[in-house]
């Protein structure tokens, strides 16, 4: 995440698996230094989710929501992963 967390050491970052069981992984990564953003969502996509028809729709919706500031900021992405600002709360997990 070039430009983000540039002064943060690896030891300052904690993570928690917040995956919903749909085949992909979502990790909540928190920065103990308080540097902006304080937390991010790291999404790793794979298999049928990555190539399924809903993936293109999901990516388009996420970009549109971020563009109009009604969703989390998109920070970085690659072929099968993306990182966005963590917003809200996790539902259904303790």
N, C-alpha and C. Protein backbone atom coordinates (compact mmCIF):
# COMPACT_ATOMS: atom_id res chain seq x y z
N UNK A 1 0.85 -1.17 0.00
CA UNK A 1 0.00 0.00 0.00
C UNK A 1 0.89 1.23 0.00
N UNK A 2 1.44 1.49 -1.09
CA UNK A 2 2.37 2.60 -1.24
C UNK A 2 1.71 3.90 -0.78
N UNK A 3 2.38 4.59 0.14
CA UNK A 3 1.84 5.84 0.65
C UNK A 3 1.03 5.66 1.92
N UNK A 4 0.42 4.51 2.09
CA UNK A 4 -0.34 4.23 3.30
C UNK A 4 0.54 3.43 4.25
N UNK A 5 0.48 3.76 5.51
CA UNK A 5 1.21 3.05 6.55
C UNK A 5 2.71 3.02 6.28
N UNK A 6 3.23 4.02 5.61
CA UNK A 6 4.64 4.01 5.22
C UNK A 6 5.59 4.08 6.42
N UNK A 7 5.12 4.58 7.56
CA UNK A 7 5.95 4.66 8.75
C UNK A 7 5.64 3.56 9.76
N UNK A 8 4.86 2.58 9.36
CA UNK A 8 4.41 1.52 10.26
C UNK A 8 5.32 0.30 10.16
N UNK A 9 5.67 -0.24 11.31
CA UNK A 9 6.46 -1.47 11.36
C UNK A 9 5.51 -2.66 11.31
N UNK A 10 5.99 -3.78 10.82
CA UNK A 10 5.18 -4.99 10.76
C UNK A 10 4.64 -5.37 12.14
N UNK A 11 5.43 -5.14 13.17
CA UNK A 11 5.01 -5.48 14.54
C UNK A 11 3.86 -4.60 15.04
N UNK A 12 3.58 -3.48 14.35
CA UNK A 12 2.47 -2.60 14.73
C UNK A 12 1.14 -3.01 14.09
N UNK A 13 1.18 -4.03 13.24
CA UNK A 13 -0.03 -4.45 12.53
C UNK A 13 -0.56 -5.75 13.12
N UNK A 14 -1.85 -5.74 13.46
CA UNK A 14 -2.51 -6.96 13.91
C UNK A 14 -3.59 -7.30 12.89
N UNK A 15 -3.99 -8.57 12.85
CA UNK A 15 -5.02 -8.97 11.90
C UNK A 15 -5.98 -9.97 12.54
N UNK A 16 -7.20 -9.96 12.00
CA UNK A 16 -8.24 -10.88 12.45
C UNK A 16 -8.99 -11.37 11.22
N UNK A 17 -9.21 -12.67 11.15
CA UNK A 17 -9.96 -13.25 10.03
C UNK A 17 -11.43 -12.88 10.20
N UNK A 18 -11.97 -12.18 9.23
CA UNK A 18 -13.38 -11.76 9.24
C UNK A 18 -14.13 -12.34 8.05
N UNK A 19 -13.65 -13.47 7.55
CA UNK A 19 -14.26 -14.11 6.38
C UNK A 19 -15.68 -14.56 6.70
N UNK A 20 -16.52 -14.55 5.67
CA UNK A 20 -17.91 -14.93 5.86
C UNK A 20 -18.22 -16.35 5.44
N UNK A 21 -17.25 -17.12 4.99
CA UNK A 21 -17.49 -18.50 4.61
C UNK A 21 -17.91 -18.69 3.17
N UNK A 22 -17.73 -17.68 2.33
CA UNK A 22 -18.15 -17.77 0.94
C UNK A 22 -17.06 -18.24 -0.02
N UNK A 23 -15.92 -18.67 0.49
CA UNK A 23 -14.87 -19.17 -0.38
C UNK A 23 -13.67 -18.25 -0.50
N UNK A 24 -13.81 -17.01 -0.10
CA UNK A 24 -12.70 -16.07 -0.13
C UNK A 24 -12.28 -15.76 1.30
N UNK A 25 -11.21 -15.00 1.44
CA UNK A 25 -10.73 -14.61 2.77
C UNK A 25 -10.82 -13.10 2.90
N UNK A 26 -11.23 -12.64 4.07
CA UNK A 26 -11.21 -11.23 4.41
C UNK A 26 -10.51 -11.09 5.75
N UNK A 27 -9.45 -10.31 5.77
CA UNK A 27 -8.71 -10.06 7.00
C UNK A 27 -8.87 -8.59 7.37
N UNK A 28 -9.19 -8.33 8.64
CA UNK A 28 -9.19 -6.97 9.15
C UNK A 28 -7.79 -6.73 9.70
N UNK A 29 -7.08 -5.77 9.11
CA UNK A 29 -5.72 -5.46 9.54
C UNK A 29 -5.74 -4.09 10.20
N UNK A 30 -5.25 -4.03 11.44
CA UNK A 30 -5.31 -2.81 12.24
C UNK A 30 -3.90 -2.28 12.50
N UNK A 31 -3.77 -0.98 12.39
CA UNK A 31 -2.49 -0.30 12.58
C UNK A 31 -2.47 0.30 13.98
N UNK A 32 -1.62 -0.20 14.87
CA UNK A 32 -1.55 0.26 16.26
C UNK A 32 -1.01 1.68 16.39
N UNK A 33 -0.35 2.20 15.35
CA UNK A 33 0.22 3.55 15.45
C UNK A 33 -0.83 4.63 15.27
N UNK A 34 -2.00 4.27 14.75
CA UNK A 34 -3.05 5.25 14.51
C UNK A 34 -2.93 5.97 13.17
N UNK A 35 -1.91 5.59 12.39
CA UNK A 35 -1.73 6.19 11.06
C UNK A 35 -2.94 5.89 10.18
N UNK A 36 -3.36 6.85 9.38
CA UNK A 36 -4.55 6.71 8.54
C UNK A 36 -4.28 5.80 7.34
N UNK A 37 -5.19 4.91 7.02
CA UNK A 37 -6.37 4.52 7.78
C UNK A 37 -5.99 3.62 8.96
N UNK A 38 -6.76 3.69 10.02
CA UNK A 38 -6.45 2.91 11.22
C UNK A 38 -6.64 1.41 11.00
N UNK A 39 -7.53 1.05 10.09
CA UNK A 39 -7.77 -0.37 9.78
C UNK A 39 -8.15 -0.51 8.31
N UNK A 40 -7.77 -1.66 7.73
CA UNK A 40 -8.11 -1.95 6.34
C UNK A 40 -8.68 -3.36 6.24
N UNK A 41 -9.41 -3.60 5.17
CA UNK A 41 -9.90 -4.94 4.84
C UNK A 41 -9.06 -5.46 3.69
N UNK A 42 -8.41 -6.60 3.91
CA UNK A 42 -7.65 -7.26 2.85
C UNK A 42 -8.50 -8.43 2.36
N UNK A 43 -8.92 -8.36 1.11
CA UNK A 43 -9.79 -9.39 0.52
C UNK A 43 -8.98 -10.23 -0.46
N UNK A 44 -8.92 -11.53 -0.25
CA UNK A 44 -8.25 -12.45 -1.16
C UNK A 44 -9.32 -13.30 -1.83
N UNK A 45 -9.41 -13.21 -3.14
CA UNK A 45 -10.43 -13.94 -3.91
C UNK A 45 -9.80 -15.18 -4.51
N UNK A 46 -10.62 -16.23 -4.70
CA UNK A 46 -10.06 -17.44 -5.29
C UNK A 46 -11.14 -18.31 -5.93
N UNK A 47 -10.67 -19.23 -6.74
CA UNK A 47 -11.52 -20.27 -7.34
C UNK A 47 -12.76 -19.76 -8.03
N UNK A 48 -13.87 -20.42 -7.75
CA UNK A 48 -15.12 -20.11 -8.43
C UNK A 48 -15.60 -18.69 -8.12
N UNK A 49 -15.23 -18.15 -6.97
CA UNK A 49 -15.60 -16.77 -6.64
C UNK A 49 -14.90 -15.81 -7.59
N UNK A 50 -13.63 -16.05 -7.84
CA UNK A 50 -12.83 -15.18 -8.68
C UNK A 50 -13.34 -15.16 -10.12
N UNK A 51 -13.79 -16.30 -10.60
CA UNK A 51 -14.23 -16.40 -12.00
C UNK A 51 -15.74 -16.39 -12.16
N UNK A 52 -16.47 -16.30 -11.07
CA UNK A 52 -17.93 -16.32 -11.13
C UNK A 52 -18.50 -15.04 -11.71
N UNK A 53 -19.75 -15.08 -12.15
CA UNK A 53 -20.38 -13.92 -12.79
C UNK A 53 -20.57 -12.74 -11.84
N UNK A 54 -20.65 -13.01 -10.56
CA UNK A 54 -20.87 -11.93 -9.61
C UNK A 54 -19.65 -11.09 -9.33
N UNK A 55 -18.47 -11.58 -9.64
CA UNK A 55 -17.23 -10.87 -9.32
C UNK A 55 -17.13 -9.54 -10.07
N UNK A 56 -17.46 -9.53 -11.34
CA UNK A 56 -17.40 -8.30 -12.13
C UNK A 56 -18.38 -7.26 -11.58
N UNK A 57 -19.55 -7.71 -11.19
CA UNK A 57 -20.56 -6.82 -10.62
C UNK A 57 -20.07 -6.26 -9.28
N UNK A 58 -19.49 -7.13 -8.45
CA UNK A 58 -18.99 -6.71 -7.14
C UNK A 58 -17.90 -5.65 -7.29
N UNK A 59 -16.95 -5.86 -8.19
CA UNK A 59 -15.87 -4.90 -8.41
C UNK A 59 -16.42 -3.57 -8.92
N UNK A 60 -17.34 -3.62 -9.85
CA UNK A 60 -17.93 -2.39 -10.40
C UNK A 60 -18.69 -1.62 -9.32
N UNK A 61 -19.46 -2.33 -8.52
CA UNK A 61 -20.22 -1.68 -7.44
C UNK A 61 -19.28 -1.05 -6.42
N UNK A 62 -18.22 -1.76 -6.04
CA UNK A 62 -17.27 -1.22 -5.06
C UNK A 62 -16.62 0.06 -5.57
N UNK A 63 -16.24 0.09 -6.83
CA UNK A 63 -15.63 1.30 -7.41
C UNK A 63 -16.62 2.46 -7.44
N UNK A 64 -17.85 2.16 -7.81
CA UNK A 64 -18.88 3.20 -7.87
C UNK A 64 -19.18 3.75 -6.48
N UNK A 65 -19.32 2.87 -5.49
CA UNK A 65 -19.59 3.31 -4.12
C UNK A 65 -18.47 4.19 -3.60
N UNK A 66 -17.22 3.80 -3.85
CA UNK A 66 -16.07 4.59 -3.39
C UNK A 66 -16.02 5.94 -4.11
N UNK A 67 -16.32 5.94 -5.40
CA UNK A 67 -16.30 7.18 -6.20
C UNK A 67 -17.24 8.22 -5.62
N UNK A 68 -18.41 7.80 -5.14
CA UNK A 68 -19.40 8.73 -4.61
C UNK A 68 -19.38 8.79 -3.07
N UNK A 69 -18.32 8.27 -2.48
CA UNK A 69 -18.10 8.34 -1.04
C UNK A 69 -19.24 7.70 -0.24
N UNK A 70 -19.79 6.61 -0.76
CA UNK A 70 -20.83 5.87 -0.03
C UNK A 70 -20.35 4.45 0.29
N UNK A 71 -19.06 4.24 0.16
CA UNK A 71 -18.45 2.96 0.49
C UNK A 71 -17.02 3.19 0.92
N UNK A 72 -16.32 2.15 1.31
CA UNK A 72 -14.94 2.31 1.77
C UNK A 72 -14.00 2.76 0.66
N UNK A 73 -12.95 3.49 1.04
CA UNK A 73 -11.94 3.93 0.08
C UNK A 73 -11.18 2.71 -0.46
N UNK A 74 -11.03 2.65 -1.75
CA UNK A 74 -10.22 1.61 -2.40
C UNK A 74 -8.77 2.06 -2.31
N UNK A 75 -7.90 1.19 -1.75
CA UNK A 75 -6.51 1.59 -1.53
C UNK A 75 -5.52 0.91 -2.47
N UNK A 76 -5.75 -0.36 -2.78
CA UNK A 76 -4.82 -1.10 -3.64
C UNK A 76 -5.50 -2.37 -4.12
N UNK A 77 -5.00 -2.91 -5.25
CA UNK A 77 -5.58 -4.17 -5.75
C UNK A 77 -4.61 -4.87 -6.68
N UNK A 78 -4.85 -6.15 -6.85
CA UNK A 78 -4.12 -6.97 -7.78
C UNK A 78 -5.10 -7.91 -8.45
N UNK A 79 -4.58 -8.91 -9.13
CA UNK A 79 -5.43 -9.83 -9.89
C UNK A 79 -6.49 -10.51 -9.03
N UNK A 80 -6.09 -11.03 -7.87
CA UNK A 80 -7.03 -11.80 -7.05
C UNK A 80 -7.13 -11.29 -5.61
N UNK A 81 -6.84 -10.01 -5.41
CA UNK A 81 -6.93 -9.42 -4.09
C UNK A 81 -7.20 -7.92 -4.21
N UNK A 82 -7.73 -7.34 -3.13
CA UNK A 82 -7.86 -5.89 -3.06
C UNK A 82 -7.91 -5.46 -1.59
N UNK A 83 -7.54 -4.21 -1.37
CA UNK A 83 -7.50 -3.64 -0.03
C UNK A 83 -8.33 -2.38 -0.03
N UNK A 84 -9.19 -2.25 0.99
CA UNK A 84 -9.99 -1.06 1.14
C UNK A 84 -10.05 -0.67 2.61
N UNK A 85 -10.40 0.58 2.85
CA UNK A 85 -10.51 1.06 4.21
C UNK A 85 -11.57 0.25 4.94
N UNK A 86 -11.31 -0.10 6.21
CA UNK A 86 -12.28 -0.84 7.01
C UNK A 86 -13.35 0.12 7.49
N UNK A 87 -14.60 -0.21 7.24
CA UNK A 87 -15.73 0.61 7.67
C UNK A 87 -16.75 -0.28 8.35
N UNK A 88 -17.41 0.24 9.33
CA UNK A 88 -18.51 -0.47 9.96
C UNK A 88 -18.05 -1.53 10.94
N UNK A 89 -18.92 -2.51 11.13
CA UNK A 89 -18.67 -3.57 12.10
C UNK A 89 -18.88 -4.93 11.42
N UNK A 90 -18.32 -5.96 12.02
CA UNK A 90 -18.54 -7.32 11.52
C UNK A 90 -19.82 -7.86 12.14
N UNK A 91 -20.71 -8.38 11.32
CA UNK A 91 -21.98 -8.90 11.79
C UNK A 91 -21.91 -10.42 11.88
N UNK A 92 -22.40 -10.98 12.97
CA UNK A 92 -22.49 -12.42 13.10
C UNK A 92 -21.23 -13.09 13.58
N UNK A 93 -20.26 -12.35 14.05
CA UNK A 93 -19.04 -12.91 14.60
C UNK A 93 -18.85 -12.39 16.02
N UNK A 94 -18.27 -13.22 16.86
CA UNK A 94 -18.03 -12.76 18.24
C UNK A 94 -16.57 -12.50 18.46
